[in-house]
Protein backbone atom coordinates (compact mmCIF):
# COMPACT_ATOMS: atom_id res chain seq x y z
CA MET A 1 128.33 -185.37 67.24
CA LYS A 2 125.27 -184.54 65.23
CA ALA A 3 123.07 -185.38 68.23
CA LYS A 4 125.06 -182.95 70.43
CA LYS A 5 124.74 -180.22 67.83
CA LYS A 6 120.98 -180.74 67.64
CA ALA A 7 120.73 -180.60 71.42
CA TRP A 8 122.58 -177.29 71.52
CA ILE A 9 120.34 -175.88 68.81
CA VAL A 10 117.22 -176.86 70.81
CA ILE A 11 118.68 -175.28 73.95
CA ILE A 12 119.49 -172.06 72.11
CA VAL A 13 116.00 -171.91 70.52
CA LEU A 14 114.33 -172.50 73.88
CA ALA A 15 116.49 -169.83 75.47
CA VAL A 16 115.56 -167.34 72.76
CA ILE A 17 111.87 -168.21 73.11
CA GLY A 18 112.13 -167.87 76.88
CA PHE A 19 113.82 -164.53 76.56
CA CYS A 20 111.17 -163.30 74.10
CA VAL A 21 108.31 -164.51 76.26
CA GLY A 22 109.86 -162.93 79.33
CA PHE A 23 110.51 -159.70 77.49
CA TYR A 24 106.92 -159.64 76.13
CA PHE A 25 105.26 -160.15 79.49
CA GLY A 26 107.67 -157.79 81.16
CA TYR A 27 106.97 -155.16 78.53
CA LYS A 28 103.22 -155.82 78.72
CA GLY A 29 103.30 -155.54 82.49
CA GLU A 30 105.16 -152.26 82.30
CA LYS A 31 102.75 -151.03 79.61
CA ASP A 32 99.69 -152.01 81.67
CA LYS A 33 101.22 -150.39 84.72
CA GLN A 34 101.94 -147.23 82.72
CA GLU A 35 98.41 -147.22 81.28
CA GLN A 36 96.98 -147.62 84.79
CA THR A 37 99.14 -144.72 85.96
CA ASN A 38 98.02 -142.62 82.98
CA THR A 39 94.36 -143.42 83.72
CA GLN A 40 94.80 -142.45 87.37
CA THR A 41 96.56 -139.26 86.29
CA ARG A 42 93.76 -138.38 83.85
CA THR A 43 91.17 -139.04 86.55
CA GLN A 44 93.07 -136.88 89.04
CA GLU A 45 93.48 -134.13 86.45
CA LYS A 46 89.75 -134.28 85.68
CA GLU A 47 88.85 -134.06 89.37
CA ILE A 48 91.28 -131.18 89.93
CA ARG A 49 89.87 -129.36 86.90
CA ALA A 50 86.32 -130.05 88.12
CA GLN A 51 87.09 -128.15 91.31
CA GLY A 52 87.88 -125.07 89.24
CA GLU A 53 85.69 -125.29 86.16
CA MET A 54 83.61 -128.07 84.67
CA LYS A 55 84.14 -128.94 81.02
CA ASP A 56 80.99 -129.09 78.89
CA GLY A 57 80.10 -132.71 78.16
CA GLU A 58 82.74 -134.20 80.48
CA LEU A 59 81.39 -136.50 83.19
CA VAL A 60 82.65 -136.21 86.77
CA ASP A 61 81.44 -137.95 89.92
CA TYR A 62 81.35 -134.99 92.31
CA THR A 63 80.61 -137.22 95.30
CA LYS A 64 84.10 -138.74 95.01
CA ASN A 65 85.88 -135.44 95.51
CA ASN A 66 83.46 -134.53 98.31
CA MET A 67 81.98 -131.57 96.43
CA LEU A 68 78.41 -132.93 96.31
CA GLU A 69 76.08 -134.84 98.60
CA LEU A 70 73.66 -136.72 96.36
CA GLY A 71 70.09 -137.48 97.44
CA LYS A 72 68.19 -140.69 96.65
CA TYR A 73 67.50 -140.58 92.94
CA LYS A 74 66.18 -144.05 92.04
CA GLY A 75 62.93 -145.70 93.03
CA ARG A 76 61.25 -142.51 94.20
CA THR A 77 57.45 -142.37 94.47
CA VAL A 78 55.59 -139.50 92.85
CA THR A 79 51.94 -138.56 93.33
CA VAL A 80 50.43 -137.94 89.90
CA THR A 81 46.78 -137.67 90.94
CA PRO A 82 46.08 -133.95 91.41
CA THR A 83 44.28 -132.59 94.46
CA GLU A 84 40.98 -130.73 94.13
CA THR A 85 42.76 -127.43 94.75
CA GLU A 86 45.35 -128.17 92.05
CA VAL A 87 42.62 -128.96 89.52
CA TYR A 88 40.72 -125.75 90.27
CA GLN A 89 43.95 -123.75 90.16
CA ALA A 90 44.52 -125.00 86.61
CA ILE A 91 40.89 -124.30 85.64
CA LEU A 92 40.93 -120.79 87.09
CA LEU A 93 44.21 -119.96 85.40
CA GLU A 94 42.54 -120.74 82.08
CA ALA A 95 39.32 -118.97 83.11
CA GLU A 96 41.14 -115.63 83.51
CA ASP A 97 41.02 -115.21 79.72
CA TRP A 98 37.26 -115.80 79.57
CA LYS A 99 35.84 -113.21 81.97
CA LYS A 100 34.75 -110.85 79.18
CA LYS A 101 33.32 -113.68 77.07
CA VAL A 102 30.85 -114.99 79.65
CA ALA A 103 27.61 -113.22 80.56
CA ASP A 104 27.87 -111.80 84.10
CA GLY A 105 31.38 -113.21 84.11
CA GLU A 106 33.13 -110.28 85.78
CA ARG A 107 31.53 -110.22 89.24
CA VAL A 108 31.69 -112.76 92.05
CA GLU A 109 28.52 -114.69 92.88
CA LYS A 110 27.69 -117.22 95.57
CA GLY A 111 28.75 -120.71 94.50
CA ASP A 112 31.53 -119.50 92.20
CA TRP A 113 34.95 -121.07 92.41
CA ILE A 114 37.43 -118.20 92.57
CA SER A 115 41.15 -117.46 92.74
CA LEU A 116 42.07 -114.49 94.92
CA ASP A 117 44.94 -112.64 96.56
CA TYR A 118 44.38 -111.22 100.03
CA GLU A 119 46.37 -109.51 102.76
CA GLY A 120 45.07 -109.07 106.30
CA TYR A 121 46.10 -106.32 108.73
CA VAL A 122 46.20 -106.87 112.49
CA ASP A 123 46.49 -103.63 114.47
CA ASP A 124 47.33 -101.86 111.19
CA GLN A 125 50.25 -104.23 110.53
CA PRO A 126 50.24 -106.73 107.63
CA SER A 127 50.03 -110.33 108.81
CA ASP A 128 51.66 -113.22 106.92
CA ASP A 129 49.26 -115.63 108.62
CA LEU A 130 46.31 -113.75 107.13
CA SER A 131 47.75 -113.33 103.64
CA GLU A 132 47.90 -115.55 100.56
CA SER A 133 48.37 -115.26 96.82
CA GLY A 134 46.34 -117.44 94.45
CA ALA A 135 44.04 -118.89 97.12
CA VAL A 136 41.25 -121.10 95.70
CA ILE A 137 37.83 -121.27 97.36
CA GLN A 138 34.16 -121.82 96.55
CA VAL A 139 32.30 -118.70 97.65
CA GLY A 140 29.73 -119.46 100.34
CA ALA A 141 31.17 -122.86 101.28
CA ARG A 142 33.03 -121.33 104.24
CA ASN A 143 36.42 -122.49 102.96
CA LEU A 144 38.20 -119.38 104.20
CA PHE A 145 38.03 -117.59 107.58
CA ASN A 146 34.30 -117.14 108.20
CA ALA A 147 30.94 -116.49 106.54
CA ALA A 148 31.39 -112.71 106.87
CA PHE A 149 34.58 -112.80 104.82
CA GLU A 150 32.96 -114.78 102.00
CA ARG A 151 29.83 -112.59 102.00
CA GLY A 152 32.15 -109.63 101.51
CA LEU A 153 33.49 -111.22 98.32
CA MET A 154 30.09 -111.39 96.64
CA GLY A 155 29.62 -108.69 94.02
CA LEU A 156 33.31 -107.81 93.74
CA LYS A 157 34.58 -107.17 90.22
CA LEU A 158 37.41 -109.33 88.93
CA GLY A 159 40.80 -107.66 88.71
CA GLU A 160 40.03 -104.78 91.08
CA THR A 161 41.30 -104.25 94.63
CA TYR A 162 38.91 -103.84 97.56
CA ASN A 163 39.17 -103.43 101.33
CA LEU A 164 36.94 -105.71 103.41
CA ASN A 165 36.36 -105.21 107.13
CA VAL A 166 35.67 -108.59 108.73
CA THR A 167 34.74 -109.08 112.39
CA PHE A 168 35.83 -112.31 114.06
CA ALA A 169 33.97 -113.98 116.92
CA GLU A 170 35.20 -113.62 120.50
CA ASP A 171 35.75 -117.39 120.67
CA ASP A 172 37.65 -117.66 117.37
CA ALA A 173 40.36 -120.33 117.46
CA ASP A 174 43.00 -117.76 116.50
CA PRO A 175 43.69 -115.51 119.53
CA ASP A 176 45.32 -112.89 117.27
CA VAL A 177 41.98 -112.14 115.56
CA ALA A 178 39.41 -113.23 118.17
CA GLY A 179 36.96 -110.37 118.84
CA LYS A 180 38.72 -108.06 116.38
CA THR A 181 37.70 -106.41 113.13
CA ILE A 182 40.37 -107.16 110.54
CA THR A 183 40.85 -105.21 107.32
CA PHE A 184 41.65 -107.33 104.26
CA SER A 185 42.98 -106.00 100.98
CA VAL A 186 41.42 -108.34 98.39
CA GLU A 187 41.68 -108.89 94.64
CA VAL A 188 39.76 -111.65 92.85
CA ASN A 189 41.73 -112.88 89.84
CA ALA A 190 39.29 -115.28 88.20
CA LYS A 191 36.01 -117.14 88.68
CA PHE A 192 34.50 -120.37 87.41
CA ASN A 193 30.93 -121.65 87.34
CA ASP A 194 28.52 -123.53 85.06
CA ALA A 195 28.38 -120.67 82.55
CA TYR A 196 32.17 -120.68 82.29
CA ALA A 197 32.23 -124.49 81.92
CA LYS A 198 29.87 -124.32 78.94
CA LYS A 199 31.68 -121.43 77.27
CA MET A 200 35.20 -122.75 77.80
CA SER A 201 34.28 -126.23 76.47
CA LYS A 202 32.03 -124.98 73.63
CA ASN A 203 29.07 -126.69 75.36
CA LYS A 204 30.88 -130.05 75.63
CA TYR A 205 30.79 -129.88 79.44
CA PRO A 206 27.52 -128.36 80.71
CA ASN A 207 28.49 -127.74 84.33
CA VAL A 208 31.30 -127.41 86.86
CA LYS A 209 31.29 -131.10 87.81
CA ALA A 210 31.68 -132.34 84.22
CA TYR A 211 34.41 -129.81 83.41
CA TYR A 212 36.20 -130.66 86.64
CA GLU A 213 36.45 -134.36 85.69
CA TYR A 214 37.84 -133.41 82.28
CA ALA A 215 40.40 -131.04 83.83
CA LYS A 216 41.40 -133.59 86.46
CA ALA A 217 42.13 -136.25 83.81
CA LYS A 218 44.12 -133.70 81.80
CA GLU A 219 46.20 -132.68 84.83
CA GLU A 220 46.91 -136.31 85.74
CA LYS A 221 48.05 -137.06 82.18
CA GLU A 222 50.40 -134.06 82.25
CA ASN A 223 51.72 -135.14 85.66
CA ARG A 224 52.49 -138.62 84.30
CA GLU A 225 54.27 -137.20 81.27
CA GLY A 226 56.26 -134.80 83.44
CA ILE A 227 57.23 -137.27 86.15
CA GLY A 228 60.93 -136.89 85.32
CA ASP A 229 60.77 -133.14 85.91
CA THR A 230 58.95 -133.67 89.21
CA VAL A 231 61.50 -136.20 90.48
CA TRP A 232 64.36 -133.95 89.35
CA GLU A 233 63.00 -130.90 91.18
CA ASP A 234 62.45 -132.91 94.36
CA LEU A 235 65.90 -134.50 94.11
CA LEU A 236 67.71 -131.18 93.77
CA LYS A 237 66.16 -130.06 97.07
CA GLU A 238 67.87 -133.03 98.76
CA CYS A 239 71.26 -132.57 97.10
CA ASN A 240 73.83 -130.43 98.87
CA VAL A 241 76.75 -128.72 97.15
CA LYS A 242 79.67 -128.63 99.58
CA LYS A 243 81.97 -126.88 97.13
CA TYR A 244 81.20 -125.25 93.78
CA PRO A 245 83.61 -125.33 90.81
CA GLU A 246 84.41 -121.63 91.14
CA GLY A 247 85.17 -121.02 87.48
CA SER A 248 81.88 -122.62 86.44
CA ARG A 249 80.02 -120.61 89.07
CA LYS A 250 81.35 -117.37 87.59
CA GLN A 251 80.58 -118.51 84.04
CA ALA A 252 77.03 -119.49 85.00
CA TYR A 253 76.47 -116.00 86.40
CA LYS A 254 77.74 -114.48 83.13
CA ASP A 255 75.42 -116.77 81.16
CA GLN A 256 72.41 -115.88 83.31
CA LYS A 257 73.13 -112.18 83.00
CA ARG A 258 73.61 -112.47 79.23
CA SER A 259 70.27 -114.28 78.93
CA TYR A 260 68.52 -111.47 80.82
CA GLN A 261 70.25 -108.92 78.60
CA VAL A 262 68.86 -110.66 75.50
CA PHE A 263 65.31 -110.49 76.89
CA ALA A 264 65.83 -106.88 77.99
CA LYS A 265 66.89 -105.90 74.48
CA VAL A 266 63.85 -107.62 72.95
CA SER A 267 61.54 -105.78 75.37
CA GLY A 268 63.24 -102.43 74.68
CA GLN A 269 64.60 -102.05 78.22
CA SER A 270 68.00 -101.77 79.80
CA TYR A 271 69.28 -104.74 81.78
CA GLU A 272 68.76 -102.85 85.06
CA GLU A 273 65.19 -101.88 84.11
CA PHE A 274 64.38 -105.44 83.07
CA ILE A 275 65.57 -107.19 86.23
CA GLY A 276 63.99 -104.41 88.31
CA ALA A 277 60.63 -105.06 86.66
CA LEU A 278 61.02 -108.73 87.55
CA GLY A 279 61.84 -107.86 91.14
CA GLN A 280 65.31 -109.41 90.71
CA THR A 281 68.72 -108.30 91.97
CA ASP A 282 72.26 -109.32 91.05
CA GLU A 283 72.25 -111.54 94.15
CA ASP A 284 69.14 -113.32 92.85
CA ILE A 285 70.84 -113.91 89.51
CA GLN A 286 73.91 -115.38 91.24
CA SER A 287 71.62 -117.64 93.28
CA SER A 288 69.92 -118.80 90.09
CA ALA A 289 73.34 -119.41 88.51
CA ASP A 290 74.38 -121.49 91.53
CA ASP A 291 71.23 -123.59 91.11
CA GLN A 292 72.19 -124.24 87.50
CA VAL A 293 75.72 -125.34 88.46
CA LYS A 294 74.25 -127.60 91.13
CA ALA A 295 71.96 -129.18 88.53
CA ARG A 296 74.89 -129.82 86.17
CA MET A 297 76.99 -131.34 88.96
CA THR A 298 74.10 -133.61 89.93
CA ALA A 299 73.42 -134.73 86.35
CA LYS A 300 77.10 -135.48 85.64
CA THR A 301 77.37 -137.51 88.85
CA ILE A 302 74.25 -139.58 88.15
CA ALA A 303 75.34 -140.15 84.55
CA ILE A 304 78.64 -141.65 85.72
CA LYS A 305 77.02 -143.79 88.41
CA GLU A 306 74.40 -145.16 85.99
CA GLY A 307 76.52 -145.37 82.85
CA LEU A 308 74.44 -142.81 80.93
CA ALA A 309 75.83 -141.16 77.81
CA LEU A 310 74.36 -138.31 75.78
CA SER A 311 74.30 -139.46 72.16
CA ASP A 312 74.33 -136.98 69.29
CA ALA A 313 70.75 -138.00 68.48
CA ASP A 314 69.59 -137.24 72.04
CA TYR A 315 71.60 -134.03 72.08
CA GLU A 316 69.88 -132.86 68.89
CA ARG A 317 66.45 -134.00 70.13
CA PHE A 318 66.71 -132.10 73.40
CA LEU A 319 68.10 -128.95 71.76
CA LEU A 320 65.23 -128.96 69.28
CA ALA A 321 62.66 -129.32 72.08
CA PHE A 322 64.31 -126.59 74.15
CA LEU A 323 64.82 -123.97 71.43
CA GLU A 324 61.60 -124.64 69.47
CA PRO A 325 62.95 -123.02 66.28
CA GLU A 326 60.52 -121.42 63.84
CA GLU A 327 59.72 -123.15 60.55
CA GLU A 328 62.09 -120.93 58.58
CA GLU A 329 64.98 -121.22 61.07
CA ASP A 330 68.03 -123.43 60.53
CA LYS A 331 67.46 -126.65 62.48
CA THR A 332 70.84 -128.27 61.92
CA LEU A 333 72.68 -129.36 65.06
CA LYS A 334 75.47 -126.88 64.40
CA ALA A 335 73.02 -123.97 64.03
CA MET A 336 71.02 -124.88 67.14
CA GLU A 337 74.16 -125.31 69.23
CA LYS A 338 75.42 -121.91 68.05
CA ARG A 339 72.11 -120.30 69.00
CA TYR A 340 72.13 -121.97 72.42
CA LEU A 341 75.66 -120.77 73.08
CA GLU A 342 74.68 -117.21 72.11
CA GLU A 343 71.37 -117.03 73.98
CA GLN A 344 71.57 -119.46 76.89
CA SER A 345 74.86 -120.81 78.24
CA CYS A 346 78.32 -122.14 77.48
CA TYR A 347 77.25 -125.62 78.60
CA PRO A 348 74.80 -126.93 75.97
CA ARG A 349 75.83 -130.58 76.34
CA ASP A 350 75.67 -130.44 80.13
CA ASP A 351 72.24 -128.83 80.01
CA MET A 352 70.91 -131.44 77.58
CA LEU A 353 72.47 -134.14 79.78
CA ILE A 354 70.16 -132.85 82.52
CA GLU A 355 67.20 -133.63 80.23
CA LEU A 356 68.55 -137.15 79.63
CA VAL A 357 68.91 -137.71 83.38
CA LYS A 358 65.35 -136.47 83.94
CA GLU A 359 64.10 -139.08 81.48
CA TYR A 360 66.08 -141.76 83.28
CA LEU A 361 64.72 -140.73 86.67
CA GLY A 362 61.16 -140.72 85.36
CA LYS A 363 61.52 -144.27 84.04
CA ASN A 364 62.94 -145.43 87.38
CA SER A 365 60.27 -143.89 89.61
CA LYS A 366 56.93 -145.14 90.90
CA MET A 367 53.62 -143.35 90.38
CA LYS A 368 50.66 -143.22 92.71
């Protein structure tokens, strides 16, 4: 009798255990299923919201909802060695501030490297093919058009506008100018020669060649340090926004306009006067705002694909670098974020995420 009782007790215990185990796994399965449903719902809600307005700091893969076509962003090759023209462009930009400090530094001489703007007129009509801004040449080396054009540059004073009449040969390769006398409106912006090299380097570099090598090394160093920015700019050209988050597009326009209004106030101008002086229109500002939204969409998408997260330390670091607060200004994260929101945009975390993505792209690119 006792044995039967024990057997029944064992059966009952096993039944209870079985029921509990079944209940647990059934409950767990339902819970997991519910959690999966909740996750899917949150993802769907995030994607739906992203189509209307992006949330600052929230990551969304915009390729999944077919709003963005993403270009190749990893393993890109970037040329960091500057060309001769790029080096002289940098030198001449600096030389503009030295024209009054160098003896005979304000008039063009044969052998000078110069930066100039010119516009040519064919049959009294301006020609895009004969016009350029910031062209770099060495006077007398026949880098531009013909010898007559470069002879006409000699003796011109920097910063003043002149008209040069240049006759082209009958057999010139360009049929539009062959045998014609073309009028060029010319302004020389800056010049560079041995005297400038000595003055600008405080006699450290005695001639153009020595200063050029110094400037080339400096430009290459800056190119290496800025590789992330270069990759980012090239990448954005390859990305295509198929649909903008409309709410974010409108907000970006408001932010851009507010930023211009801040600068206008500082310069003592109205908003209309300020953008007019810059040669900008409301359409240009909307275009710039669209570019900013595109950049944020691209950064968010890459961050999700690569598992990148903007830490508070990185957020503070990038804000500090962007705002460059004065010594006496409050540099706490809260103060800098408040200033960014007031002066720049409503998306401080998204904008600093862009900087994080730039760093990532730079580290994952090749240099040549």
